[in-house]
Amino acid sequence: MEGKRRAINSALAVVSLALGAVVCTWLIGTKPVPPKRSSFARILEVSVSPVEPALEATPIVGHGTVRPRHQVKIVPQVSGRLVYALKDLAPGNIIPEGELLFEIDPTVYESRVRKAEAETRRLEASLERADQEMTNLDERVANAEQMLAIDQQDYITSKRLHEIDEVGTQRDVDLVHQKLLRQKDALIELKSRRSVIPYVKLETQAQLEAARAHLGQATYDLENTKIFCPFDARVELAAAYESQVVTAHFSIATLTDMSAFELSVGIDPRELRWLDQAIRPEMLEQSEEGPRPEVKVRWSLKGQEFTWRGFVTRFERVDEATRTARLVVEIRDVDMVATVAIGSDESRPTLAIGMHCRAELPAEPLAGALLVPRHAVYDNRWAYVFEPDPDSQDSRMGLLGRREVPMLRSVGDAVLVDYAGREGTEVCELGPDERVVVSPLVKPVVGMRVRLRDEQVASAVTLPTIEPSRRLQPARTSTRPEDHGAHGSYAAVMGQLDMSLGGG
């Protein structure tokens, strides 16, 4: 019984294997044959864009935050109690120039002025008295000299009479001599008093100058008890009110000059060479201010764009933190109101401090400029072009060429690679009217066969014959599939090229 069961199992296993072999043979024999495609269908299709010389003057874009050109803190020069404070002195209000802002109690300062004036008048009177005394002494000295001459003559006469004519006594001669000596003493005293007066005048003059200085300081303090608005200003901060005691040299308000605002615009330092000649740093450093081109300042809000007009006034610095060059754009009061392409019923805001704006700085116009789409430049150096295949009758067929292009300047989504009259060692192999490949290229190989997309065939232009030196020719046996026989494939050729170039 057990042997019979094993025989049946073995027979079933053999039958199962036989059926499986039959089914596999049938599946292999009836498999579908994949469609065959010609190697021509494997040629890469590309999109191209012709390079046309044009005048390039795209502005250089920078960003910055609006700030006041002048902002001052109101600091009292004297201390005292405020007897007046402007009621409209609140943050946000506009105060006209010359408006009285604060007044400090002037009582103490008026008394100081009167005291200094009195001291000045007293010293001026002292000077006049000294002048009069000098005049009087001059007259007295002249009289004393005359009297001394008379006494001198009397002494001589009295002495001669006594000694020669024996008239009179010696006592009479001595009395005359004593009178002469007294007169000499009087003359010496008068001259001494006369010589001191100039020094007295100098001392009085010095005291008078000090008194006048005190009077000037007292007058200045009295004038500073009233504080006026220095210009048309916007109030940023008010920290003092009527009846409050203020201290000298401590700020009580902050005002912003509304005559002009500034925008410190940061741009790439490499863009300085493309600025308009009039606003380059070396021109801005000159003292004389000539006509300068206009700068557009833009600000967006809720889908609307507002524009102001400004002018570059100076080169500020190269910011160490952001590595940007800072140019100061000034927006004057006449341009504070925005211009916007919307209906007249819409509000037009004025420029305000703190707005982060975009500034369009005028660039130097470049004639015959060549622009290439940014994504069409590989490794920041190469651009690939479509070169017509001289061995093909089909205008859609071509070869992939490569041109070295210098990235001179980024202009939006394009790159400036050349312009008329350019100087320097940078070489641009790309020429006008060449067609740059703008479709993505994965591991492009110079000389590989490419085909224009169907939508570009109708717009393709006839290009001039490219000089051999401008076109890099590949080996003919490595890029043409028909040269490899019926079994040759373009993929195999590409694999060989990748291996020869190290996968590049």
Protein backbone atom coordinates (compact mmCIF):
# COMPACT_ATOMS: atom_id res chain seq x y z
CA MET A 1 0.00 0.00 0.00
CA GLU A 2 2.81 2.34 0.90
CA GLY A 3 4.68 1.60 -2.35
CA LYS A 4 1.61 2.26 -4.45
CA ARG A 5 1.22 5.75 -2.87
CA ARG A 6 4.84 6.67 -3.61
CA ALA A 7 4.44 5.64 -7.26
CA ILE A 8 1.39 7.85 -7.65
CA ASN A 9 3.21 10.87 -6.15
CA SER A 10 6.17 10.38 -8.42
CA ALA A 11 3.91 10.18 -11.47
CA LEU A 12 2.15 13.40 -10.48
CA ALA A 13 5.48 15.20 -10.07
CA VAL A 14 6.67 14.11 -13.48
CA VAL A 15 3.39 15.21 -15.10
CA SER A 16 3.62 18.64 -13.37
CA LEU A 17 7.17 19.20 -14.59
CA ALA A 18 6.20 18.19 -18.10
CA LEU A 19 3.27 20.60 -18.15
CA GLY A 20 5.48 23.44 -16.84
CA ALA A 21 8.04 22.81 -19.56
CA VAL A 22 5.32 22.84 -22.20
CA VAL A 23 3.88 26.12 -20.91
CA CYS A 24 7.31 27.80 -20.79
CA THR A 25 8.08 26.66 -24.31
CA TRP A 26 4.74 28.05 -25.49
CA LEU A 27 5.29 31.43 -23.75
CA ILE A 28 8.77 31.81 -25.20
CA GLY A 29 7.56 30.94 -28.64
CA THR A 30 4.64 33.36 -28.57
CA LYS A 31 6.43 36.42 -27.01
CA PRO A 32 5.72 39.79 -28.82
CA VAL A 33 8.49 41.22 -30.93
CA PRO A 34 9.42 44.82 -29.75
CA PRO A 35 9.16 47.51 -32.44
CA LYS A 36 12.41 48.56 -33.95
CA ARG A 37 13.30 52.25 -34.16
CA SER A 38 15.91 53.78 -36.34
CA SER A 39 18.95 55.37 -34.78
CA PHE A 40 17.81 58.72 -36.23
CA ALA A 41 15.07 58.93 -33.58
CA ARG A 42 17.68 58.91 -30.83
CA ILE A 43 19.24 62.21 -31.92
CA LEU A 44 18.79 64.90 -29.25
CA GLU A 45 16.24 67.59 -30.04
CA VAL A 46 17.16 71.07 -28.85
CA SER A 47 15.60 74.52 -28.61
CA VAL A 48 17.69 77.47 -29.66
CA SER A 49 17.57 81.23 -29.31
CA PRO A 50 19.38 83.56 -31.74
CA VAL A 51 21.89 86.00 -30.26
CA GLU A 52 21.07 89.46 -31.56
CA PRO A 53 23.18 92.55 -30.74
CA ALA A 54 21.15 95.27 -29.04
CA LEU A 55 21.54 98.42 -26.97
CA GLU A 56 21.74 97.34 -23.34
CA ALA A 57 20.90 99.86 -20.61
CA THR A 58 19.13 97.78 -17.98
CA PRO A 59 19.32 99.65 -14.65
CA ILE A 60 21.25 98.25 -11.73
CA VAL A 61 18.89 97.25 -8.93
CA GLY A 62 19.70 97.82 -5.28
CA HIS A 63 17.70 97.82 -2.06
CA GLY A 64 17.71 99.98 1.03
CA THR A 65 15.64 101.42 3.85
CA VAL A 66 14.41 105.01 3.85
CA ARG A 67 16.01 107.19 6.50
CA PRO A 68 15.92 110.93 7.23
CA ARG A 69 18.64 113.11 5.79
CA HIS A 70 18.61 115.27 8.95
CA GLN A 71 17.20 114.29 12.32
CA VAL A 72 17.86 116.48 15.35
CA LYS A 73 17.25 116.20 19.05
CA ILE A 74 15.86 119.27 20.80
CA VAL A 75 18.20 119.87 23.75
CA PRO A 76 17.62 122.94 26.02
CA GLN A 77 20.70 125.09 26.63
CA VAL A 78 19.32 126.39 29.94
CA SER A 79 17.42 124.85 32.82
CA GLY A 80 14.10 125.96 34.21
CA ARG A 81 10.35 125.45 34.28
CA LEU A 82 8.44 125.30 31.01
CA VAL A 83 5.86 128.07 30.84
CA TYR A 84 4.79 127.06 27.32
CA ALA A 85 4.77 123.87 25.23
CA LEU A 86 3.19 123.51 21.79
CA LYS A 87 -0.03 121.52 22.03
CA ASP A 88 0.49 119.88 18.62
CA LEU A 89 3.88 118.52 19.69
CA ALA A 90 2.96 114.85 19.36
CA PRO A 91 4.64 112.03 17.40
CA GLY A 92 3.55 112.05 13.76
CA ASN A 93 2.51 115.71 13.57
CA ILE A 94 4.13 118.06 11.06
CA ILE A 95 5.44 121.33 12.55
CA PRO A 96 6.23 124.29 10.23
CA GLU A 97 9.57 126.04 10.37
CA GLY A 98 9.81 128.85 12.95
CA GLU A 99 6.97 127.59 15.15
CA LEU A 100 7.54 128.13 18.92
CA LEU A 101 7.96 124.71 20.53
CA PHE A 102 8.94 125.44 24.14
CA GLU A 103 9.49 128.47 26.40
CA ILE A 104 11.37 128.31 29.70
CA ASP A 105 10.62 130.78 32.51
CA PRO A 106 12.84 133.80 31.61
CA THR A 107 12.72 135.66 34.99
CA VAL A 108 16.13 134.55 36.28
CA TYR A 109 17.80 135.09 32.91
CA GLU A 110 16.32 138.59 32.47
CA SER A 111 17.75 139.64 35.86
CA ARG A 112 21.18 138.33 34.83
CA VAL A 113 21.02 140.39 31.66
CA ARG A 114 20.14 143.57 33.59
CA LYS A 115 22.95 142.96 36.10
CA ALA A 116 25.48 142.44 33.30
CA GLU A 117 24.27 145.57 31.52
CA ALA A 118 24.72 147.64 34.71
CA GLU A 119 28.25 146.34 35.24
CA THR A 120 29.09 147.14 31.64
CA ARG A 121 27.82 150.70 31.95
CA ARG A 122 29.83 151.21 35.20
CA LEU A 123 33.08 150.14 33.57
CA GLU A 124 32.42 152.25 30.50
CA ALA A 125 31.98 155.25 32.81
CA SER A 126 35.24 154.40 34.57
CA LEU A 127 37.05 154.49 31.24
CA GLU A 128 35.59 157.89 30.43
CA ARG A 129 36.59 159.19 33.89
CA ALA A 130 40.16 157.95 33.38
CA ASP A 131 40.34 159.77 30.04
CA GLN A 132 39.15 162.98 31.66
CA GLU A 133 41.58 162.61 34.54
CA MET A 134 44.44 162.10 32.07
CA THR A 135 43.50 165.33 30.28
CA ASN A 136 43.41 167.25 33.58
CA LEU A 137 46.79 165.91 34.66
CA ASP A 138 48.32 166.91 31.36
CA GLU A 139 47.22 170.51 31.99
CA ARG A 140 48.47 170.47 35.60
CA VAL A 141 51.86 169.09 34.50
CA ALA A 142 52.18 171.89 31.97
CA ASN A 143 51.39 174.52 34.64
CA ALA A 144 53.77 172.91 37.12
CA GLU A 145 56.59 172.98 34.58
CA GLN A 146 56.01 176.70 33.99
CA MET A 147 55.99 177.41 37.76
CA LEU A 148 59.16 175.36 38.17
CA ALA A 149 60.86 177.44 35.50
CA ILE A 150 59.87 180.65 37.36
CA ASP A 151 61.12 179.33 40.69
CA GLN A 152 64.36 178.26 39.05
CA GLN A 153 64.92 181.79 37.76
CA ASP A 154 64.11 183.29 41.19
CA TYR A 155 66.64 181.01 42.86
CA ILE A 156 69.37 181.95 40.39
CA THR A 157 68.67 185.69 40.77
CA SER A 158 68.56 185.52 44.59
CA LYS A 159 71.82 183.62 44.76
CA ARG A 160 73.63 186.08 42.42
CA LEU A 161 72.46 189.08 44.39
CA HIS A 162 73.69 187.54 47.64
CA GLU A 163 77.03 186.33 46.36
CA ILE A 164 77.94 189.19 44.03
CA ASP A 165 75.98 192.25 45.06
CA GLU A 166 75.72 191.20 48.75
CA VAL A 167 72.00 191.92 48.70
CA GLY A 168 69.94 189.91 51.15
CA THR A 169 70.95 187.12 53.46
CA GLN A 170 71.69 183.45 53.04
CA ARG A 171 68.40 182.65 54.65
CA ASP A 172 66.58 184.43 51.87
CA VAL A 173 68.46 182.32 49.36
CA ASP A 174 67.60 179.11 51.25
CA LEU A 175 63.90 180.00 51.34
CA VAL A 176 63.86 180.50 47.57
CA HIS A 177 65.70 177.22 47.16
CA GLN A 178 63.17 175.37 49.33
CA LYS A 179 60.33 176.74 47.22
CA LEU A 180 62.09 175.46 44.09
CA LEU A 181 62.46 171.97 45.56
CA ARG A 182 58.80 171.83 46.60
CA GLN A 183 57.78 172.73 43.06
CA LYS A 184 59.97 169.95 41.68
CA ASP A 185 58.32 167.43 44.03
CA ALA A 186 54.86 168.57 42.90
CA LEU A 187 55.83 168.15 39.25
CA ILE A 188 57.22 164.65 39.89
CA GLU A 189 54.00 163.63 41.68
CA LEU A 190 51.83 164.89 38.83
CA LYS A 191 53.91 163.03 36.24
CA SER A 192 53.76 159.86 38.33
CA ARG A 193 49.97 160.05 38.53
CA ARG A 194 49.85 160.71 34.78
CA SER A 195 51.99 157.65 33.97
CA VAL A 196 49.76 155.29 36.03
CA ILE A 197 46.51 156.20 34.26
CA PRO A 198 47.21 154.15 31.04
CA TYR A 199 47.61 151.01 33.18
CA VAL A 200 44.40 151.80 35.02
CA LYS A 201 42.67 152.14 31.66
CA LEU A 202 44.00 148.76 30.51
CA GLU A 203 42.74 147.11 33.67
CA THR A 204 39.35 148.77 33.33
CA GLN A 205 39.22 147.78 29.64
CA ALA A 206 39.83 144.13 30.55
CA GLN A 207 37.10 144.26 33.17
CA LEU A 208 34.79 145.84 30.59
CA GLU A 209 35.47 143.04 28.09
CA ALA A 210 34.71 140.44 30.76
CA ALA A 211 31.51 142.26 31.63
CA ARG A 212 30.49 142.36 27.99
CA ALA A 213 31.20 138.63 27.72
CA HIS A 214 28.98 138.04 30.73
CA LEU A 215 26.34 140.21 29.12
CA GLY A 216 26.58 138.19 25.89
CA GLN A 217 26.24 134.91 27.80
CA ALA A 218 23.28 136.24 29.77
CA THR A 219 21.62 137.47 26.57
CA TYR A 220 22.29 134.10 24.89
CA ASP A 221 20.75 132.25 27.84
CA LEU A 222 17.73 134.55 27.72
CA GLU A 223 17.27 133.93 24.00
CA ASN A 224 17.54 130.17 24.55
CA THR A 225 14.56 130.23 26.88
CA LYS A 226 12.51 130.07 23.65
CA ILE A 227 12.99 127.03 21.38
CA PHE A 228 11.72 127.29 17.79
CA CYS A 229 11.29 124.62 15.13
CA PRO A 230 14.47 124.76 12.97
CA PHE A 231 12.79 123.46 9.78
CA ASP A 232 9.63 121.86 8.47
CA ALA A 233 9.75 118.81 10.69
CA ARG A 234 7.91 115.67 11.66
CA VAL A 235 7.74 114.97 15.41
CA GLU A 236 9.31 111.63 16.28
CA LEU A 237 9.42 112.02 20.07
CA ALA A 238 8.10 114.52 22.62
CA ALA A 239 9.23 114.08 26.24
CA ALA A 240 8.42 117.43 27.91
CA TYR A 241 5.20 119.31 28.60
CA GLU A 242 4.05 122.59 30.12
CA SER A 243 4.93 123.22 33.82
CA GLN A 244 7.63 120.56 33.68
CA VAL A 245 11.14 121.45 34.86
CA VAL A 246 13.74 120.69 32.22
CA THR A 247 17.51 120.39 32.63
CA ALA A 248 20.07 121.80 30.26
CA HIS A 249 21.78 119.38 27.84
CA PHE A 250 19.07 116.70 28.14
CA SER A 251 16.93 115.92 25.08
CA ILE A 252 13.22 116.69 25.31
CA ALA A 253 12.10 116.03 21.67
CA THR A 254 13.25 114.54 18.36
CA LEU A 255 12.44 116.12 14.98
CA THR A 256 12.94 114.84 11.44
CA ASP A 257 13.69 117.18 8.55
CA MET A 258 10.99 116.77 5.91
CA SER A 259 12.88 118.58 3.14
CA ALA A 260 14.60 115.38 1.97
CA PHE A 261 14.93 111.69 2.75
CA GLU A 262 17.79 109.34 1.96
CA LEU A 263 18.00 105.76 0.77
CA SER A 264 21.27 103.91 1.35
CA VAL A 265 21.23 101.50 -1.59
CA GLY A 266 23.37 98.37 -1.45
CA ILE A 267 24.66 96.87 -4.69
CA ASP A 268 27.29 94.32 -5.64
CA PRO A 269 30.67 96.15 -5.82
CA ARG A 270 31.24 94.48 -9.19
CA GLU A 271 28.28 96.43 -10.54
CA LEU A 272 29.99 99.79 -9.94
CA ARG A 273 31.75 99.57 -13.30
CA TRP A 274 28.40 99.42 -15.10
CA LEU A 275 26.93 102.54 -13.47
CA ASP A 276 26.29 105.67 -15.45
CA GLN A 277 29.44 107.79 -15.66
CA ALA A 278 27.87 110.65 -13.66
CA ILE A 279 27.17 108.52 -10.56
CA ARG A 280 30.33 106.47 -10.32
CA PRO A 281 32.24 106.91 -7.04
CA GLU A 282 35.15 108.76 -8.63
CA MET A 283 32.74 111.31 -10.13
CA LEU A 284 30.72 111.72 -6.93
CA GLU A 285 33.87 112.58 -5.00
CA GLN A 286 34.40 115.70 -7.09
CA SER A 287 33.35 118.92 -5.39
CA GLU A 288 31.41 120.41 -8.28
CA GLU A 289 27.92 118.95 -8.61
CA GLY A 290 26.75 118.59 -12.19
CA PRO A 291 23.54 117.20 -13.66
CA ARG A 292 22.96 113.62 -12.58
CA PRO A 293 20.60 111.02 -13.99
CA GLU A 294 17.36 110.20 -12.29
CA VAL A 295 16.93 107.17 -10.03
CA LYS A 296 13.61 105.32 -9.76
CA VAL A 297 12.68 104.32 -6.20
CA ARG A 298 9.91 101.71 -6.02
CA TRP A 299 7.82 100.26 -3.20
CA SER A 300 5.06 97.65 -3.44
CA LEU A 301 1.99 97.20 -1.28
CA LYS A 302 -0.93 94.82 -1.87
CA GLY A 303 -0.08 94.30 -5.49
CA GLN A 304 0.36 97.99 -6.27
CA GLU A 305 3.71 99.56 -7.06
CA PHE A 306 4.52 103.14 -6.11
CA THR A 307 7.38 105.12 -7.58
CA TRP A 308 9.40 108.11 -6.41
CA ARG A 309 12.16 110.05 -8.11
CA GLY A 310 15.59 110.46 -6.55
CA PHE A 311 19.19 111.38 -7.33
CA VAL A 312 22.48 109.83 -6.24
CA THR A 313 24.34 112.32 -4.03
CA ARG A 314 27.38 110.44 -2.73
CA PHE A 315 29.20 107.14 -2.38
CA GLU A 316 28.89 106.13 1.26
CA ARG A 317 31.10 103.09 1.89
CA VAL A 318 31.63 99.40 1.23
CA ASP A 319 29.69 97.61 3.94
CA GLU A 320 31.96 95.15 5.73
CA ALA A 321 29.10 93.02 7.02
CA THR A 322 27.11 92.61 3.79
CA ARG A 323 29.99 93.05 1.30
CA THR A 324 27.93 95.57 -0.64
CA ALA A 325 28.75 99.02 -1.98
CA ARG A 326 26.51 101.73 -0.53
CA LEU A 327 25.28 104.64 -2.67
CA VAL A 328 23.07 107.32 -1.12
CA VAL A 329 19.96 108.29 -3.09
CA GLU A 330 18.27 111.52 -2.02
CA ILE A 331 14.52 112.05 -2.45
CA ARG A 332 13.57 115.71 -2.09
CA ASP A 333 10.30 117.08 -0.72
CA VAL A 334 8.94 117.87 -4.19
CA ASP A 335 9.13 114.15 -5.01
CA MET A 336 7.75 112.79 -1.74
CA VAL A 337 4.32 111.94 -3.23
CA ALA A 338 4.37 108.69 -5.19
CA THR A 339 3.51 108.32 -8.86
CA VAL A 340 1.47 105.21 -9.61
CA ALA A 341 -0.36 103.88 -12.63
CA ILE A 342 -3.77 103.65 -10.96
CA GLY A 343 -6.98 105.63 -11.02
CA SER A 344 -7.09 109.17 -9.68
CA ASP A 345 -9.48 108.09 -6.96
CA GLU A 346 -6.79 105.89 -5.41
CA SER A 347 -4.65 107.31 -2.60
CA ARG A 348 -1.02 108.04 -3.36
CA PRO A 349 1.19 107.57 -0.28
CA THR A 350 4.12 109.78 0.61
CA LEU A 351 7.55 108.39 1.32
CA ALA A 352 7.99 107.41 4.96
CA ILE A 353 10.92 106.48 7.16
CA GLY A 354 11.49 102.74 7.42
CA MET A 355 10.16 101.77 3.97
CA HIS A 356 12.29 99.07 2.36
CA CYS A 357 12.49 100.16 -1.27
CA ARG A 358 14.04 99.03 -4.52
CA ALA A 359 16.16 101.56 -6.39
CA GLU A 360 16.91 101.37 -10.10
CA LEU A 361 20.26 103.03 -10.71
CA PRO A 362 20.88 104.08 -14.33
CA ALA A 363 23.54 102.05 -16.12
CA GLU A 364 25.94 103.06 -18.85
CA PRO A 365 24.32 102.27 -22.27
CA LEU A 366 26.24 99.52 -24.08
CA ALA A 367 25.91 99.33 -27.86
CA GLY A 368 26.00 95.97 -29.63
CA ALA A 369 25.52 94.01 -26.41
CA LEU A 370 25.17 90.22 -26.53
CA LEU A 371 22.90 88.63 -23.93
CA VAL A 372 22.66 84.89 -23.23
CA PRO A 373 20.01 83.22 -21.03
CA ARG A 374 21.51 82.49 -17.64
CA HIS A 375 20.53 78.82 -17.71
CA ALA A 376 22.27 78.39 -21.08
CA VAL A 377 25.70 79.05 -19.54
CA TYR A 378 27.46 75.94 -18.18
CA ASP A 379 30.19 75.98 -15.55
CA ASN A 380 30.03 79.79 -15.63
CA ARG A 381 32.11 79.65 -18.79
CA TRP A 382 30.59 77.78 -21.73
CA ALA A 383 27.58 78.28 -24.00
CA TYR A 384 26.52 75.66 -26.53
CA VAL A 385 25.36 76.64 -30.01
CA PHE A 386 23.62 74.95 -32.91
CA GLU A 387 25.89 74.65 -35.94
CA PRO A 388 24.40 73.57 -39.30
CA ASP A 389 25.64 70.19 -40.48
CA PRO A 390 27.32 70.73 -43.88
CA ASP A 391 26.90 67.00 -44.70
CA SER A 392 23.12 66.98 -44.21
CA GLN A 393 20.44 68.29 -46.52
CA ASP A 394 18.00 68.64 -43.63
CA SER A 395 18.10 72.17 -42.18
CA ARG A 396 16.95 70.77 -38.85
CA MET A 397 20.06 68.69 -38.44
CA GLY A 398 23.18 70.16 -36.94
CA LEU A 399 26.15 69.73 -34.65
CA LEU A 400 26.61 70.90 -31.09
CA GLY A 401 29.27 73.59 -30.82
CA ARG A 402 30.74 75.21 -27.76
CA ARG A 403 31.74 78.84 -27.22
CA GLU A 404 33.66 80.37 -24.34
CA VAL A 405 31.80 83.34 -22.93
CA PRO A 406 32.82 85.70 -20.10
CA MET A 407 30.08 86.41 -17.57
CA LEU A 408 30.43 90.18 -17.48
CA ARG A 409 27.16 91.12 -15.81
CA SER A 410 23.89 89.51 -14.76
CA VAL A 411 20.88 91.22 -16.32
CA GLY A 412 17.76 89.64 -14.85
CA ASP A 413 17.55 86.09 -16.26
CA ALA A 414 20.28 86.77 -18.82
CA VAL A 415 24.03 87.27 -18.79
CA LEU A 416 25.94 89.98 -20.63
CA VAL A 417 28.86 88.32 -22.43
CA ASP A 418 30.07 90.97 -24.87
CA TYR A 419 29.42 94.46 -26.25
CA ALA A 420 30.87 96.76 -28.88
CA GLY A 421 34.16 98.39 -27.97
CA ARG A 422 34.85 96.11 -25.02
CA GLU A 423 38.44 96.01 -23.85
CA GLY A 424 40.27 93.52 -21.69
CA THR A 425 41.76 90.06 -21.72
CA GLU A 426 38.43 88.21 -21.45
CA VAL A 427 37.63 86.43 -24.71
CA CYS A 428 34.10 85.99 -26.04
CA GLU A 429 33.91 83.35 -28.75
CA LEU A 430 30.18 83.81 -29.23
CA GLY A 431 29.31 85.88 -32.25
CA PRO A 432 26.19 87.79 -33.32
CA ASP A 433 23.35 85.81 -34.93
CA GLU A 434 24.58 82.49 -33.59
CA ARG A 435 21.90 80.25 -32.13
CA VAL A 436 22.43 79.34 -28.48
CA VAL A 437 20.96 76.10 -27.19
CA VAL A 438 18.53 76.98 -24.41
CA SER A 439 17.05 73.54 -23.73
CA PRO A 440 18.66 71.49 -20.94
CA LEU A 441 21.74 69.47 -21.90
CA VAL A 442 22.87 66.48 -19.87
CA LYS A 443 26.59 65.80 -20.32
CA PRO A 444 26.87 67.68 -23.62
CA VAL A 445 29.64 66.61 -26.00
CA VAL A 446 31.08 68.97 -28.55
CA GLY A 447 30.31 67.76 -32.07
CA MET A 448 27.35 65.53 -31.18
CA ARG A 449 24.50 65.56 -33.68
CA VAL A 450 21.41 67.50 -32.65
CA ARG A 451 18.13 68.37 -34.28
CA LEU A 452 15.97 71.48 -33.96
CA ARG A 453 12.59 71.02 -32.39
CA ASP A 454 9.71 71.02 -34.84
CA GLU A 455 8.24 74.28 -33.55
CA GLN A 456 11.51 76.11 -34.32
CA VAL A 457 12.00 74.84 -37.85
CA ALA A 458 9.69 77.45 -39.37
CA SER A 459 11.49 80.28 -37.54
CA ALA A 460 15.01 79.01 -38.24
CA VAL A 461 17.20 81.54 -39.96
CA THR A 462 19.92 80.94 -42.48
CA LEU A 463 23.23 81.46 -40.73
CA PRO A 464 26.47 82.51 -42.38
CA THR A 465 29.15 79.91 -42.88
CA ILE A 466 31.06 79.40 -39.65
CA GLU A 467 34.79 79.54 -39.91
CA PRO A 468 36.63 76.32 -39.02
CA SER A 469 38.43 78.09 -36.20
CA ARG A 470 35.09 79.00 -34.62
CA ARG A 471 33.65 75.45 -34.87
CA LEU A 472 35.06 72.55 -32.96
CA GLN A 473 35.01 69.51 -35.31
CA PRO A 474 34.61 66.05 -33.71
CA ALA A 475 35.94 62.78 -35.11
CA ARG A 476 33.59 61.70 -37.91
CA THR A 477 33.76 58.02 -36.93
CA SER A 478 32.57 58.62 -33.37
CA THR A 479 29.44 60.68 -33.82
CA ARG A 480 27.62 59.48 -36.92
CA PRO A 481 25.56 56.33 -36.27
CA GLU A 482 25.43 55.32 -39.95
CA ASP A 483 29.21 54.90 -39.94
CA HIS A 484 28.89 51.98 -37.48
CA GLY A 485 26.84 49.66 -39.67
CA ALA A 486 23.37 48.28 -39.16
CA HIS A 487 24.05 47.28 -35.58
CA GLY A 488 25.76 50.54 -34.53
CA SER A 489 23.89 52.63 -31.94
CA TYR A 490 24.29 56.24 -30.89
CA ALA A 491 24.09 55.24 -27.22
CA ALA A 492 27.14 53.02 -27.65
CA VAL A 493 29.06 55.83 -29.25
CA MET A 494 28.06 58.18 -26.42
CA GLY A 495 29.26 55.61 -23.91
CA GLN A 496 32.64 55.51 -25.59
CA LEU A 497 32.86 59.28 -25.56
CA ASP A 498 31.91 59.42 -21.89
CA MET A 499 34.67 56.94 -21.08
CA SER A 500 37.21 58.88 -23.12
CA LEU A 501 36.26 62.17 -21.42
CA GLY A 502 36.15 60.71 -17.95
CA GLY A 503 32.37 61.01 -17.69
CA GLY A 504 32.46 64.74 -18.45
